Protein backbone atom coordinates (compact mmCIF):
# COMPACT_ATOMS: atom_id res chain seq x y z
CA MET A 1 -9.94 20.96 -33.37
CA LYS A 2 -10.66 19.38 -30.34
CA GLU A 3 -8.33 16.61 -29.33
CA GLU A 4 -9.93 13.54 -27.45
CA PHE A 5 -7.53 12.27 -24.34
CA GLU A 6 -6.76 8.51 -24.83
CA SER A 7 -5.59 6.07 -21.86
CA PRO A 8 -2.70 4.35 -23.16
CA PHE A 9 -3.66 1.20 -21.55
CA GLU A 10 -7.04 0.82 -22.87
CA GLY A 11 -5.54 -1.02 -25.68
CA PRO A 12 -5.59 -5.41 -25.19
CA GLN A 13 -1.83 -5.51 -25.63
CA ASP A 14 -1.87 -3.42 -22.42
CA ASN A 15 -3.97 -4.56 -20.50
CA ASP A 16 -2.16 -8.11 -21.50
CA LEU A 17 0.85 -6.78 -20.11
CA ILE A 18 -0.53 -5.75 -16.74
CA LYS A 19 -2.09 -8.60 -15.82
CA ARG A 20 1.07 -10.57 -16.96
CA PHE A 21 3.05 -8.23 -14.69
CA GLU A 22 -0.12 -9.11 -11.71
CA GLN A 23 0.44 -13.15 -12.38
CA MET A 24 4.44 -13.04 -11.79
CA LEU A 25 3.73 -10.80 -8.06
CA GLU A 26 0.80 -13.43 -7.80
CA ALA A 27 3.01 -16.45 -7.96
CA GLY A 28 6.35 -15.34 -6.48
CA GLU A 29 8.61 -15.03 -9.44
CA GLN A 30 10.58 -12.95 -11.15
CA TYR A 31 9.78 -12.73 -15.42
CA PHE A 32 11.66 -10.43 -17.85
CA PHE A 33 10.49 -7.27 -18.79
CA ASP A 34 12.31 -4.58 -21.34
CA VAL A 35 12.21 -0.82 -20.17
CA GLU A 36 9.67 0.29 -22.11
CA GLU A 37 7.06 -2.36 -20.61
CA PHE A 38 8.52 -1.31 -17.00
CA ASP A 39 7.95 1.98 -17.66
CA GLU A 40 4.28 1.49 -19.34
CA ILE A 41 3.25 -0.63 -16.01
CA ILE A 42 4.61 1.92 -13.77
CA SER A 43 2.78 4.55 -15.70
CA TYR A 44 -0.45 2.57 -15.18
CA TYR A 45 -0.18 2.16 -11.28
CA MET A 46 0.58 6.32 -11.32
CA GLU A 47 -2.47 6.82 -13.31
CA GLU A 48 -4.50 4.30 -11.09
CA ARG A 49 -3.22 6.26 -8.23
CA ALA A 50 -0.97 3.06 -6.85
CA SER A 51 1.72 4.81 -5.40
CA GLN A 52 2.87 2.08 -3.77
CA ARG A 53 2.52 -0.61 -6.44
CA ALA A 54 4.41 2.36 -8.84
CA PHE A 55 7.67 1.96 -6.25
CA GLU A 56 7.51 -1.66 -6.41
CA VAL A 57 7.58 -1.71 -10.23
CA ARG A 58 10.23 0.70 -10.27
CA SER A 59 12.78 -1.13 -7.83
CA MET A 60 12.03 -4.72 -10.27
CA ALA A 61 12.98 -2.20 -12.63
CA LYS A 62 16.01 -1.39 -11.42
CA SER A 63 16.89 -4.61 -10.93
CA GLN A 64 16.75 -5.61 -13.90
CA HIS A 65 18.14 -2.37 -15.87
CA PRO A 66 20.09 -0.92 -13.33
CA ALA A 67 22.17 1.97 -16.01
CA THR A 68 18.68 2.98 -17.69
CA GLY A 69 17.69 6.50 -18.02
CA ASP A 70 14.60 6.52 -18.84
CA LEU A 71 14.00 4.68 -15.30
CA ILE A 72 15.77 7.26 -13.39
CA LEU A 73 13.95 9.81 -14.81
CA ARG A 74 10.32 7.91 -14.01
CA GLU A 75 11.77 7.25 -10.39
CA ALA A 76 12.49 11.32 -10.36
CA GLU A 77 8.67 11.85 -11.98
CA LEU A 78 7.87 9.29 -8.93
CA LEU A 79 8.82 11.41 -6.12
CA ALA A 80 7.91 14.78 -7.43
């Protein structure tokens, strides 16, 4: 049985998340994102091979959620 790979960023909800994040950056504001949203945003930029932006997101995520294990694991993945 062959399974097709589906990008986790094809749905409208995920697309809206990335748009909201990029609008925040353009406006120079700070919005709240939960840990799962930050994880999705980081994953998006990693898949887009935009590592600098992924590190920026990681930094923002750590400032909002400093002791979250998921973000620590994501940081290790970025550094690898």
